[in-house]
Protein backbone atom coordinates (compact mmCIF):
# COMPACT_ATOMS: atom_id res chain seq x y z
CA GLN A 1 18.35 -13.15 23.05
CA VAL A 2 15.61 -15.50 24.23
CA GLN A 3 12.96 -14.88 21.61
CA PRO A 4 12.74 -14.15 17.90
CA VAL A 5 13.20 -10.49 16.99
CA GLU A 6 10.91 -8.76 14.52
CA SER A 7 11.61 -5.56 12.65
CA GLY A 8 10.39 -3.59 9.65
CA GLY A 9 7.02 -2.28 10.79
CA GLY A 10 5.94 1.28 10.25
CA SER A 11 3.26 3.57 8.90
CA VAL A 12 2.25 3.58 5.24
CA GLN A 13 -0.65 4.76 3.14
CA ALA A 14 -3.14 2.37 1.60
CA GLY A 15 -1.61 0.59 -1.36
CA GLY A 16 1.89 0.78 0.08
CA SER A 17 4.32 -1.98 1.01
CA LEU A 18 6.35 -3.06 3.99
CA ARG A 19 8.86 -5.83 4.55
CA LEU A 20 9.01 -7.45 7.97
CA SER A 21 11.93 -9.53 9.19
CA CYS A 22 12.21 -12.10 11.96
CA VAL A 23 15.60 -13.21 13.27
CA ALA A 24 15.58 -16.61 14.92
CA PHE A 25 16.86 -17.14 18.45
CA GLY A 26 16.74 -20.93 18.56
CA TYR A 27 18.52 -23.64 16.58
CA THR A 28 19.10 -23.00 12.87
CA ASP A 29 21.20 -26.02 11.89
CA THR A 30 18.06 -27.74 10.57
CA GLY A 31 14.75 -26.55 9.23
CA LYS A 32 11.87 -25.50 11.42
CA CYS A 33 8.50 -23.74 11.32
CA PHE A 34 8.11 -19.99 11.51
CA GLY A 35 4.82 -18.19 11.53
CA TRP A 36 3.70 -14.62 11.09
CA PHE A 37 0.65 -13.63 13.06
CA ARG A 38 -1.11 -10.35 13.68
CA GLN A 39 -3.40 -8.89 16.27
CA ALA A 40 -5.46 -5.74 15.94
CA PRO A 41 -6.95 -3.99 18.98
CA GLY A 42 -10.01 -5.84 20.21
CA LYS A 43 -9.43 -8.79 17.91
CA GLU A 44 -7.97 -12.25 18.31
CA ARG A 45 -4.53 -13.09 17.01
CA GLU A 46 -4.73 -14.52 13.51
CA GLY A 47 -2.33 -16.43 11.31
CA VAL A 48 -0.89 -14.56 8.33
CA ALA A 49 1.66 -16.97 6.86
CA VAL A 50 3.86 -19.90 7.81
CA ILE A 51 7.01 -21.41 6.35
CA HIS A 52 9.13 -24.48 7.01
CA THR A 53 12.76 -23.49 6.48
CA GLY A 54 13.81 -27.08 5.81
CA SER A 55 11.42 -27.97 3.00
CA GLY A 56 10.64 -24.39 1.95
CA ALA A 57 6.92 -25.18 2.07
CA LYS A 58 4.71 -22.15 2.73
CA GLY A 59 1.14 -21.42 3.61
CA ASP A 60 -0.96 -18.27 3.75
CA GLY A 61 -3.83 -17.21 5.89
CA ASP A 62 -6.85 -15.64 4.22
CA SER A 63 -5.54 -12.11 4.87
CA ALA A 64 -2.28 -12.77 3.03
CA LYS A 65 -3.43 -14.50 -0.12
CA GLY A 66 -2.26 -12.69 -3.22
CA ARG A 67 -0.66 -9.80 -1.33
CA PHE A 68 1.87 -11.10 1.19
CA THR A 69 4.84 -13.39 0.61
CA VAL A 70 6.79 -15.23 3.28
CA SER A 71 10.38 -16.24 2.53
CA GLN A 72 13.65 -17.23 4.21
CA ASP A 73 17.29 -16.40 3.84
CA ASN A 74 19.81 -19.05 2.80
CA ASN A 75 21.11 -19.79 6.29
CA LYS A 76 17.61 -20.33 7.76
CA ASN A 77 18.29 -17.63 10.32
CA THR A 78 15.89 -14.95 9.07
CA VAL A 79 12.34 -15.13 7.77
CA THR A 80 10.72 -12.20 6.00
CA LEU A 81 7.17 -11.17 5.20
CA GLN A 82 6.80 -8.96 2.14
CA MET A 83 3.48 -7.14 2.34
CA ASN A 84 2.10 -5.39 -0.73
CA SER A 85 -1.16 -3.57 -1.42
CA LEU A 86 -1.61 -2.83 2.25
CA GLN A 87 -5.03 -1.70 3.41
CA PRO A 88 -6.24 -0.06 6.63
CA ASP A 89 -7.61 -3.45 7.75
CA ASP A 90 -4.01 -4.69 7.83
CA THR A 91 -3.26 -2.35 10.72
CA ALA A 92 -2.11 -4.54 13.61
CA MET A 93 0.81 -5.67 15.68
CA TYR A 94 2.65 -8.34 13.72
CA TYR A 95 4.37 -11.14 15.57
CA CYS A 96 6.84 -13.82 14.58
CA GLU A 97 6.46 -17.23 16.16
CA GLU A 98 9.35 -19.68 16.07
CA ASP A 99 9.23 -23.41 16.64
CA ILE A 100 11.72 -24.37 19.33
CA THR A 101 11.00 -28.11 19.16
CA ARG A 102 13.26 -30.09 16.87
CA GLY A 103 12.03 -32.46 14.23
CA ARG A 104 8.63 -31.08 13.34
CA ASP A 105 7.71 -31.02 9.68
CA TRP A 106 5.45 -29.01 7.40
CA ILE A 107 2.29 -30.54 8.84
CA ALA A 108 3.11 -28.81 12.13
CA CYS A 109 3.43 -25.48 10.33
CA GLU A 110 0.04 -25.89 8.68
CA TYR A 111 -1.49 -26.77 12.05
CA ALA A 112 0.02 -23.70 13.67
CA LEU A 113 -1.34 -21.26 11.09
CA THR A 114 -4.79 -21.45 12.66
CA ARG A 115 -3.59 -21.99 16.24
CA PRO A 116 -1.45 -19.09 17.45
CA GLY A 117 0.83 -20.02 20.32
CA VAL A 118 1.54 -23.63 19.36
CA PHE A 119 5.28 -23.02 19.06
CA ARG A 120 5.46 -20.96 22.25
CA ALA A 121 8.30 -18.65 21.20
CA TRP A 122 7.04 -15.18 20.29
CA GLY A 123 8.80 -11.97 19.49
CA GLN A 124 7.81 -8.59 20.92
CA GLY A 125 6.01 -7.68 17.72
CA THR A 126 6.32 -4.87 15.22
CA GLN A 127 3.52 -2.37 14.60
CA VAL A 128 2.08 -1.90 11.12
CA THR A 129 -0.24 1.06 10.58
CA VAL A 130 -1.97 1.68 7.26
CA SER A 131 -3.82 4.92 6.67
CA SER A 132 -6.49 5.52 4.04
């Protein structure tokens, strides 16, 4: 495994929920930044949510506020994105980005939310499709 691995995508109707998971491939002995991003056809990749697994600090992009929740498991190995009240505009490929550089703190996570690709380690993505 040389990249984070996402899972949990699928097809749901508007108003439904999905839970995405991202399993880390890099170090997990200390905290690090993870980010969830999404990209719809013809659109740029956008930040959905970020979390620092050391401090537990979290941040949401505009699309996630009030509907999506990012969290981590106790061993810092897996990060999840609970998505509720899904709408057709949420249809996209969802990617997990993992920080592979040691020692970065929450400020780095916040920076990455609006700058996809900063951490350089992407998963293959998981498709989310929401029908009306």
